Protein backbone atom coordinates (compact mmCIF):
# COMPACT_ATOMS: atom_id res chain seq x y z
CA MET A 1 -0.02 0.04 -0.44
CA PRO A 2 1.66 3.15 -0.79
CA TYR A 3 2.18 5.25 2.02
CA GLN A 4 -0.17 8.04 2.72
CA ALA A 5 1.20 10.97 4.89
CA VAL A 6 -0.80 12.54 7.87
CA ASP A 7 -2.71 16.02 7.11
CA VAL A 8 -4.32 16.81 10.33
CA VAL A 9 -3.44 16.51 13.76
CA GLU A 10 -6.09 16.43 16.57
CA VAL A 11 -4.15 17.63 20.10
CA ARG A 12 -5.31 16.55 23.20
CA CYS A 13 -4.54 17.38 27.13
CA TRP A 14 -6.07 15.46 30.00
CA GLY A 15 -7.85 13.70 27.60
CA ALA A 16 -9.99 17.01 26.48
CA ARG A 17 -9.95 17.90 22.89
CA VAL A 18 -7.67 21.23 22.60
CA GLY A 19 -7.73 21.57 19.13
CA ALA A 20 -6.04 20.63 15.59
CA ILE A 21 -3.13 21.20 13.07
CA ALA A 22 -2.31 20.92 9.60
CA LEU A 23 -0.31 22.68 7.11
CA ASP A 24 -1.05 26.09 6.15
CA GLU A 25 -0.03 26.01 2.89
CA ARG A 26 0.35 29.51 1.64
CA SER A 27 2.68 29.54 4.45
CA GLY A 28 4.47 26.72 4.27
CA PHE A 29 4.45 26.34 8.23
CA ASN A 30 1.85 24.15 10.63
CA ALA A 31 -0.58 25.96 11.91
CA PHE A 32 -2.56 24.99 14.99
CA GLU A 33 -6.35 26.03 15.80
CA TYR A 34 -7.90 25.67 19.11
CA ASP A 35 -11.32 24.13 19.66
CA ARG A 36 -14.21 26.67 20.63
CA ALA A 37 -14.99 23.57 23.49
CA TRP A 38 -11.11 24.40 25.03
CA LEU A 39 -11.93 27.98 24.80
CA ARG A 40 -14.63 27.75 26.70
CA THR A 41 -12.65 26.13 30.07
CA GLY A 42 -10.23 29.45 30.27
CA VAL A 43 -7.12 26.92 30.65
CA GLU A 44 -3.94 28.36 29.24
CA LEU A 45 -1.38 26.22 27.85
CA ALA A 46 0.66 29.03 26.31
CA PRO A 47 -0.96 32.35 27.49
CA THR A 48 2.19 34.07 26.27
CA THR A 49 2.44 32.92 22.51
CA MET A 50 -0.51 31.24 22.01
CA PRO A 51 -3.55 32.72 24.50
CA THR A 52 -6.91 31.01 24.52
CA THR A 53 -8.48 34.93 24.93
CA GLY A 54 -7.11 36.47 22.09
CA ARG A 55 -8.61 38.12 18.75
CA SER A 56 -8.21 34.53 16.75
CA ALA A 57 -7.74 31.46 17.56
CA LEU A 58 -5.84 30.26 14.94
CA PHE A 59 -2.02 30.50 15.22
CA VAL A 60 0.78 29.91 12.99
CA PHE A 61 4.54 30.97 13.15
CA PRO A 62 6.24 31.79 9.83
CA THR A 63 8.99 33.15 12.14
CA LEU A 64 10.01 30.87 14.40
CA PRO A 65 13.87 28.91 12.59
CA PRO A 66 12.33 25.79 10.92
CA ASP A 67 15.52 23.40 11.56
CA THR A 68 14.42 24.18 15.39
CA TYR A 69 11.00 24.13 15.58
CA HIS A 70 9.98 21.90 12.12
CA ARG A 71 7.69 24.14 11.10
CA LEU A 72 5.66 24.13 13.71
CA PRO A 73 4.26 26.14 16.68
CA SER A 74 6.57 26.65 19.93
CA MET A 75 4.35 24.41 22.51
CA ILE A 76 4.09 21.85 19.81
CA ALA A 77 7.64 21.74 19.18
CA ASP A 78 8.41 21.39 22.46
CA SER A 79 6.44 17.51 22.78
CA LEU A 80 8.91 15.89 20.20
CA PRO A 81 11.84 13.76 20.61
CA ASP A 82 15.41 15.40 20.57
CA ASP A 83 17.62 14.23 17.73
CA PHE A 84 18.30 10.19 18.79
CA GLY A 85 14.38 10.19 18.88
CA ASN A 86 13.54 11.27 16.00
CA ALA A 87 16.13 9.20 14.82
CA LEU A 88 14.14 5.98 16.49
CA THR A 89 11.02 7.37 14.29
CA THR A 90 13.08 7.35 11.07
CA ALA A 91 13.92 4.29 11.81
CA TYR A 92 10.85 2.81 12.27
CA LEU A 93 9.00 4.35 9.30
CA ALA A 94 11.83 3.20 7.00
CA ASN A 95 11.13 -0.42 8.23
CA GLU A 96 7.22 0.53 7.07
CA GLY A 97 8.86 1.73 3.86
CA VAL A 98 8.73 5.15 4.58
CA ARG A 99 11.54 7.25 3.39
CA ALA A 100 13.13 9.55 5.29
CA ASP A 101 12.37 12.47 3.11
CA GLN A 102 8.61 11.39 3.12
CA ILE A 103 8.33 12.01 6.60
CA THR A 104 6.19 15.72 7.65
CA PRO A 105 6.32 16.91 11.25
CA LEU A 106 2.83 16.18 10.94
CA ASP A 107 4.01 12.49 10.54
CA ARG A 108 6.32 12.23 13.57
CA LEU A 109 3.38 14.00 15.79
CA ALA A 110 0.94 10.93 14.80
CA TYR A 111 3.65 8.87 15.64
CA LEU A 112 4.64 10.11 18.79
CA GLY A 113 0.41 9.81 19.79
CA THR A 114 0.68 9.69 23.72
CA ARG A 115 4.76 8.97 24.43
CA GLY A 116 5.35 12.82 24.06
CA MET A 117 7.18 15.15 26.36
CA GLY A 118 4.63 16.74 28.49
CA ALA A 119 0.47 16.15 28.75
CA LEU A 120 -0.04 16.55 25.27
CA GLU A 121 -1.19 13.82 22.58
CA PHE A 122 -1.37 13.62 19.54
CA HIS A 123 -4.35 11.38 17.25
CA PRO A 124 -3.96 12.05 13.27
CA MET A 125 -7.57 12.63 11.88
CA ARG A 126 -7.43 11.87 8.28
CA GLY A 127 -4.68 11.37 5.21
CA PRO A 128 -4.01 13.30 2.35
CA ARG A 129 -7.24 14.67 0.58
CA THR A 130 -7.25 14.15 -2.82
CA ARG A 131 -7.63 16.76 -5.10
CA LYS A 132 -8.36 17.75 -8.95
CA ALA A 133 -5.47 18.17 -11.42
CA THR A 134 -5.58 22.11 -12.00
CA ALA A 135 -4.06 24.20 -15.16
CA ILE A 136 -1.13 24.29 -12.99
CA GLU A 137 1.18 22.07 -13.77
CA LEU A 138 3.79 21.60 -10.95
CA ALA A 139 6.03 18.02 -12.34
CA GLU A 140 8.01 19.75 -14.08
CA LEU A 141 9.38 22.02 -10.91
CA VAL A 142 9.90 18.45 -8.80
CA VAL A 143 11.98 17.11 -11.11
CA ALA A 144 14.39 19.53 -11.05
CA ALA A 145 14.46 20.17 -7.40
CA ARG A 146 15.22 15.96 -7.12
CA SER A 147 17.35 16.45 -9.73
CA VAL A 148 19.53 19.39 -7.89
CA LEU A 149 18.71 17.54 -4.48
CA ALA A 150 19.73 14.02 -5.65
CA GLY A 151 23.40 15.81 -7.16
CA GLN A 152 22.46 15.85 -10.75
CA VAL A 153 23.59 18.14 -12.86
CA THR A 154 22.82 18.74 -16.31
CA THR A 155 25.35 20.69 -18.76
CA ASP A 156 25.61 21.24 -22.34
CA ASP A 157 28.59 17.94 -22.08
CA GLY A 158 25.86 15.90 -20.64
CA THR A 159 24.96 14.55 -17.52
CA HIS A 160 26.97 13.99 -14.14
CA SER A 161 25.64 12.84 -11.28
CA HIS A 162 26.74 12.87 -7.49
CA ARG A 163 25.12 11.47 -4.55
CA VAL A 164 24.97 13.39 -1.47
CA GLN A 165 23.29 13.60 1.93
CA ASP A 166 21.83 16.63 2.69
CA TRP A 167 20.98 20.08 0.87
CA LEU A 168 20.88 23.15 2.44
CA ILE A 169 18.28 26.05 1.39
CA LEU A 170 18.72 29.61 2.16
CA GLU A 171 15.48 32.49 0.97
CA ALA A 172 15.35 35.88 0.82
CA SER A 173 13.05 38.32 -0.80
CA SER A 174 12.14 41.76 -1.72
CA VAL A 175 9.87 44.27 -0.21
CA SER A 176 8.32 47.51 -1.87
CA TYR A 177 10.48 49.87 -0.10
CA GLY A 178 13.35 47.78 -1.21
CA LYS A 179 14.42 49.23 -4.26
CA ALA A 180 15.92 52.41 -2.86
CA SER A 181 18.39 49.78 -0.70
CA SER A 182 20.83 48.10 -2.80
CA TYR A 183 21.21 44.21 -1.90
CA PHE A 184 18.73 43.81 0.80
CA PRO A 185 17.37 40.29 -0.07
CA VAL A 186 21.18 39.84 -0.43
CA ILE A 187 21.74 40.80 3.04
CA ASP A 188 18.77 38.98 4.54
CA LEU A 189 20.11 35.90 2.24
CA LEU A 190 23.18 36.18 3.85
CA LYS A 191 21.76 36.72 8.26
CA GLY A 192 19.95 33.26 7.26
CA TYR A 193 23.24 31.30 6.03
CA PHE A 194 25.26 32.52 8.82
CA LYS A 195 22.69 32.29 11.57
CA ILE A 196 22.83 36.30 12.36
CA GLY A 197 20.52 37.30 15.60
CA ASP A 198 18.82 40.46 15.71
CA ARG A 199 21.19 41.61 18.84
CA ASP A 200 24.34 40.03 17.34
CA ASP A 201 26.74 42.98 17.45
CA HIS A 202 29.59 43.03 15.63
CA ARG A 203 32.34 40.89 17.17
CA GLU A 204 29.52 38.35 16.95
CA ILE A 205 28.84 38.75 13.04
CA ARG A 206 32.36 38.44 12.72
CA ASP A 207 33.32 35.49 13.73
CA LYS A 208 29.96 33.83 12.48
CA VAL A 209 30.84 34.86 9.32
CA LEU A 210 34.49 34.23 9.73
CA GLY A 211 33.69 30.77 11.02
CA ARG A 212 31.13 30.02 8.15
CA VAL A 213 33.42 30.94 5.36
CA LEU A 214 36.68 29.69 6.18
CA GLY A 215 35.20 26.62 8.07
CA LEU A 216 33.78 25.79 4.76
CA ASP A 217 37.34 26.55 2.13
CA ARG A 218 40.20 28.34 3.54
CA THR A 219 41.19 30.01 -0.02
CA LEU A 220 37.99 32.13 0.21
CA GLU A 221 39.21 34.24 2.80
CA PRO A 222 39.68 37.09 0.26
CA LEU A 223 35.84 37.30 0.24
CA LEU A 224 35.73 38.00 3.90
CA SER A 225 35.98 41.88 3.70
CA PRO A 226 33.04 42.22 0.90
CA LEU A 227 30.91 39.96 3.02
CA LEU A 228 31.55 42.03 6.04
CA ALA A 229 30.70 45.22 4.40
CA LEU A 230 27.60 43.78 2.63
CA LEU A 231 26.70 42.90 6.82
CA ASP A 232 27.25 46.72 7.72
CA VAL A 233 30.77 45.63 10.23
CA PRO A 234 33.62 47.11 9.42
CA ALA A 235 36.49 44.98 7.53
CA ASP A 236 40.05 45.89 9.09
CA ASP A 237 41.20 45.63 5.48
CA PRO A 238 43.05 48.40 4.23
CA ALA A 239 43.07 47.03 0.55
CA TRP A 240 39.06 46.92 0.54
CA GLY A 241 39.41 50.35 1.94
CA SER A 242 41.43 51.31 -0.93
CA LEU A 243 39.23 50.24 -3.90
CA ASP A 244 36.88 52.79 -5.83
CA PRO A 245 32.77 52.47 -5.90
CA PRO A 246 32.97 50.45 -8.94
CA GLN A 247 36.03 48.24 -7.62
CA ARG A 248 33.56 47.35 -4.20
CA ARG A 249 30.82 46.43 -6.49
CA GLN A 250 32.08 43.62 -8.39
CA ARG A 251 33.81 42.46 -5.55
CA THR A 252 31.10 42.32 -3.35
CA LEU A 253 29.20 40.63 -6.39
CA ASP A 254 31.99 38.03 -7.10
CA ALA A 255 31.86 37.51 -3.21
CA VAL A 256 28.62 36.26 -2.59
CA LYS A 257 28.48 34.35 -5.79
CA ARG A 258 31.59 32.21 -5.02
CA LEU A 259 30.95 31.90 -1.29
CA LEU A 260 26.92 30.26 -3.22
CA GLN A 261 29.24 28.13 -5.88
CA ARG A 262 32.15 26.79 -3.47
CA GLU A 263 28.67 25.88 -0.96
CA ALA A 264 27.17 24.18 -3.82
CA GLN A 265 30.07 21.91 -4.00
CA ALA A 266 29.74 20.61 -0.52
CA GLN A 267 25.85 19.86 -0.83
CA ALA A 268 23.22 20.47 -2.86
CA LEU A 269 22.29 24.31 -2.72
CA LEU A 270 18.57 25.87 -3.45
CA VAL A 271 18.07 29.40 -3.54
CA VAL A 272 14.38 31.04 -3.28
CA PHE A 273 14.48 34.59 -4.10
CA GLU A 274 10.45 35.84 -3.10
CA ASP A 275 8.97 38.76 -5.06
CA LEU A 276 11.18 39.78 -7.48
CA HIS A 277 9.15 42.66 -8.64
CA TRP A 278 10.21 44.56 -5.91
CA ILE A 279 13.91 43.91 -6.45
CA ASP A 280 17.12 46.28 -6.64
CA GLY A 281 19.97 46.51 -9.41
CA GLU A 282 22.59 45.63 -7.40
CA THR A 283 20.49 42.35 -6.47
CA GLN A 284 19.14 41.94 -10.00
CA ALA A 285 22.86 42.11 -11.06
CA LEU A 286 23.95 39.24 -8.66
CA LEU A 287 20.88 36.98 -10.03
CA ASP A 288 22.25 37.73 -13.19
CA SER A 289 25.71 36.55 -12.13
CA ILE A 290 24.87 33.32 -11.03
CA VAL A 291 22.02 32.41 -13.67
CA GLU A 292 25.20 32.29 -16.41
CA THR A 293 26.55 29.26 -14.13
CA LEU A 294 23.65 27.27 -13.64
CA GLY A 295 23.65 23.86 -15.23
CA SER A 296 27.72 23.65 -14.03
CA VAL A 297 26.92 23.36 -10.22
CA ARG A 298 24.31 21.64 -7.75
CA LEU A 299 22.24 24.95 -7.27
CA LEU A 300 18.49 25.52 -7.73
CA LEU A 301 17.70 28.71 -7.97
CA LEU A 302 13.85 29.49 -7.35
CA VAL A 303 12.02 32.51 -7.96
CA ASN A 304 8.92 34.26 -8.40
CA TYR A 305 7.58 37.72 -9.48
CA ARG A 306 4.68 39.42 -11.07
CA PRO A 307 4.20 39.91 -14.90
CA GLU A 308 5.31 43.16 -15.26
CA TYR A 309 9.14 42.13 -13.69
CA ALA A 310 11.22 41.63 -16.61
CA HIS A 311 14.46 39.78 -17.09
CA ARG A 312 16.99 37.94 -19.78
CA TRP A 313 16.79 34.58 -18.61
CA GLY A 314 14.41 33.28 -21.39
CA SER A 315 17.04 31.73 -23.76
CA LYS A 316 18.93 30.01 -20.90
CA THR A 317 18.35 25.76 -21.04
CA ALA A 318 18.85 25.70 -17.64
CA TYR A 319 15.59 27.78 -17.48
CA SER A 320 11.90 26.63 -16.86
CA GLN A 321 8.78 28.80 -15.91
CA ILE A 322 5.73 27.62 -14.37
CA ARG A 323 2.64 30.68 -15.26
CA LEU A 324 0.26 31.30 -11.97
CA ASP A 325 -2.67 32.34 -13.16
CA ALA A 326 -5.88 33.15 -11.47
CA LEU A 327 -8.00 30.35 -11.20
CA PRO A 328 -10.76 29.08 -13.68
CA ALA A 329 -14.25 29.09 -12.64
CA GLU A 330 -14.46 25.48 -11.47
CA SER A 331 -11.72 25.46 -9.05
CA ALA A 332 -12.88 29.32 -7.94
CA GLN A 333 -16.19 27.84 -7.50
CA GLU A 334 -14.44 24.39 -5.17
CA LEU A 335 -12.46 26.88 -3.06
CA LEU A 336 -15.63 29.15 -2.25
CA ALA A 337 -17.35 25.52 -1.59
CA ALA A 338 -14.62 24.67 1.49
CA LEU A 339 -14.36 28.59 3.13
CA LEU A 340 -18.33 29.20 3.12
CA GLY A 341 -20.03 25.59 2.95
CA PRO A 342 -23.41 24.27 1.80
CA ASP A 343 -26.03 26.57 2.86
CA PRO A 344 -27.93 27.48 -0.56
CA GLY A 345 -28.08 30.48 0.55
CA LEU A 346 -24.49 31.37 -0.34
CA ALA A 347 -25.28 30.31 -4.01
CA PRO A 348 -25.91 34.59 -4.99
CA LEU A 349 -22.32 35.57 -3.06
CA THR A 350 -20.84 32.39 -4.74
CA GLN A 351 -21.90 33.32 -8.20
CA MET A 352 -20.63 37.30 -7.69
CA LEU A 353 -17.15 36.09 -6.28
CA VAL A 354 -15.81 33.25 -8.54
CA LYS A 355 -15.13 35.72 -11.59
CA ARG A 356 -12.73 36.97 -9.38
CA GLY A 357 -9.91 34.23 -9.72
CA ASN A 358 -7.54 35.20 -6.69
CA PRO A 359 -7.18 32.51 -3.87
CA PHE A 360 -5.93 35.48 -1.64
CA PHE A 361 -8.63 37.60 -2.59
CA LEU A 362 -11.41 35.19 -2.29
CA GLU A 363 -9.87 33.99 1.18
CA GLU A 364 -9.39 37.70 2.39
CA THR A 365 -12.98 38.92 1.39
CA VAL A 366 -15.03 36.00 3.46
CA ARG A 367 -13.13 36.66 6.29
CA THR A 368 -13.94 40.28 5.84
CA LEU A 369 -17.50 39.71 5.32
CA MET A 370 -17.60 37.16 8.29
CA GLU A 371 -15.58 39.96 10.94
CA THR A 372 -18.31 42.73 9.54
CA GLY A 373 -21.16 40.25 10.41
CA ALA A 374 -22.22 39.82 6.78
CA LEU A 375 -21.18 36.22 7.04
CA VAL A 376 -22.13 34.05 10.89
CA GLY A 377 -20.93 30.67 11.54
CA GLU A 378 -17.58 28.96 11.23
CA ARG A 379 -15.18 27.89 8.09
CA GLY A 380 -16.82 25.59 6.19
CA ALA A 381 -20.70 26.41 7.75
CA TYR A 382 -21.72 29.79 7.10
CA ARG A 383 -24.82 31.77 6.18
CA LEU A 384 -25.23 35.12 5.02
CA THR A 385 -27.02 37.53 7.36
CA ARG A 386 -28.41 40.33 4.45
CA PRO A 387 -28.98 39.69 0.98
CA VAL A 388 -26.22 40.24 -1.55
CA GLU A 389 -27.40 43.35 -2.90
CA ALA A 390 -26.57 45.14 0.22
CA LEU A 391 -23.12 43.83 1.12
CA GLN A 392 -20.03 45.91 0.59
CA VAL A 393 -17.60 43.59 -1.27
CA PRO A 394 -13.73 44.99 -1.58
CA ALA A 395 -12.40 45.72 -5.02
CA THR A 396 -8.64 44.99 -3.97
CA VAL A 397 -6.84 43.27 -1.48
CA GLN A 398 -4.88 46.58 -0.38
CA THR A 399 -9.31 47.86 0.49
CA ILE A 400 -9.72 44.64 2.38
CA LEU A 401 -6.34 45.16 4.44
CA ALA A 402 -6.93 48.89 5.07
CA ALA A 403 -10.64 48.33 6.52
CA ARG A 404 -9.01 45.68 8.88
CA ILE A 405 -6.60 48.04 9.94
CA ASP A 406 -9.37 50.80 10.12
CA ARG A 407 -11.25 48.33 12.70
CA LEU A 408 -8.94 47.80 15.10
CA PRO A 409 -8.64 49.30 18.83
CA PRO A 410 -6.66 52.24 18.70
CA GLU A 411 -4.28 50.72 21.07
CA GLU A 412 -3.55 47.92 18.74
CA LYS A 413 -3.76 49.99 15.65
CA GLN A 414 -0.70 52.64 17.54
CA LEU A 415 1.24 49.21 18.14
CA LEU A 416 1.12 48.45 14.08
CA GLN A 417 1.36 51.71 13.07
CA ALA A 418 4.80 51.61 14.86
CA ALA A 419 5.72 47.70 13.56
CA SER A 420 5.86 49.38 10.23
CA VAL A 421 8.45 52.21 10.74
CA VAL A 422 10.80 49.34 11.89
CA GLY A 423 9.89 47.21 8.37
CA LYS A 424 9.07 43.51 7.13
CA ASP A 425 10.47 41.45 10.27
CA VAL A 426 10.16 43.50 14.29
CA PRO A 427 11.98 41.75 16.71
CA TYR A 428 9.87 41.88 19.59
CA ALA A 429 12.64 43.55 22.22
CA LEU A 430 12.55 46.30 19.62
CA LEU A 431 8.54 46.40 19.35
CA ALA A 432 8.41 46.26 23.39
CA ALA A 433 10.62 49.12 23.25
CA ILE A 434 9.11 51.00 21.40
CA ALA A 435 5.28 50.63 21.79
CA GLU A 436 5.80 51.75 25.96
């Protein structure tokens, strides 16, 4: 019988149902939602990070380090065993014919069952959902990823295979205001690669960079000055200081490129750049340079962007594009049916929304209608409280978000405004200090 992964796990405590956890496909992290009956008990299992008295019973934490928390909320991840215990789980499932790369965090929780560390118990609720094929074809991406992770590289001279045991994933994303900041996503990527924290000072950053670079290959020592300069750490290098701006730019581009290439020799490397439509010119130059080397190293470059973004990679043999268009009407109707439920009175609303096609817009519209009282009930079981003609459906996602911010209490709105000044990622300590 083929392996079937667990996709929903029920969480219990002292025999009572606390809630359930499942993969949030938008963020790639596992989301937990409290059961309504548990909320009524008032018992707090994680009062600081997952309070039962908050505005939402749904929790997902995409900022937690995946290697540490396994893409789970910290309250759930704490129940998992240590590396040795996880190795035992892997060995057991291997005997059942399950490969290690098939095992998800939810599988591990389901296997853990009642043997976890603490009072929480985990029970699988169902296996994988059956999905219809859509116009979005991901097979090519899967094949490409598997080839790279297996160390298989295609060049103009043929195919060369090298088996590796592990791989490294580096991620970075652009932001709407990032075009004015050179190397913004590159710096983000390097901070992840060197494991640099928000509170690390110059000495700690220098130690991490030197340790990682020289530990990888001592011949990379000339890269230290441009890498440290990117991370805003003074480089004790007179030769670097004497370079003119064009020379520094070229040295910087070469340093990042060489570092990635050398890392790809040690292990298969997946580099992810998101939202290229907001990219700055220096990062674009780096990507163009990396693209030129694809096919000669074990490196998979995965990017996404909006239609207005333009590049010159289309003619490259290593380049493949998967276009994600709006959902066709049939798929949009299926999504709305799952969000809204089977109530016949919802048919006019479904007919009005199905033409929009953008999944995020559809989800946010349903959420807004629920927050404003136009829909009552719960996900998959809503009903309308007023005629469709009386509904005010926002025209864009931006309008939806702006209206949601306007509905916030004054103190929460002030906190959000303070966080927006800091940027996309807001350290809690900094937010706490400026919010006082």
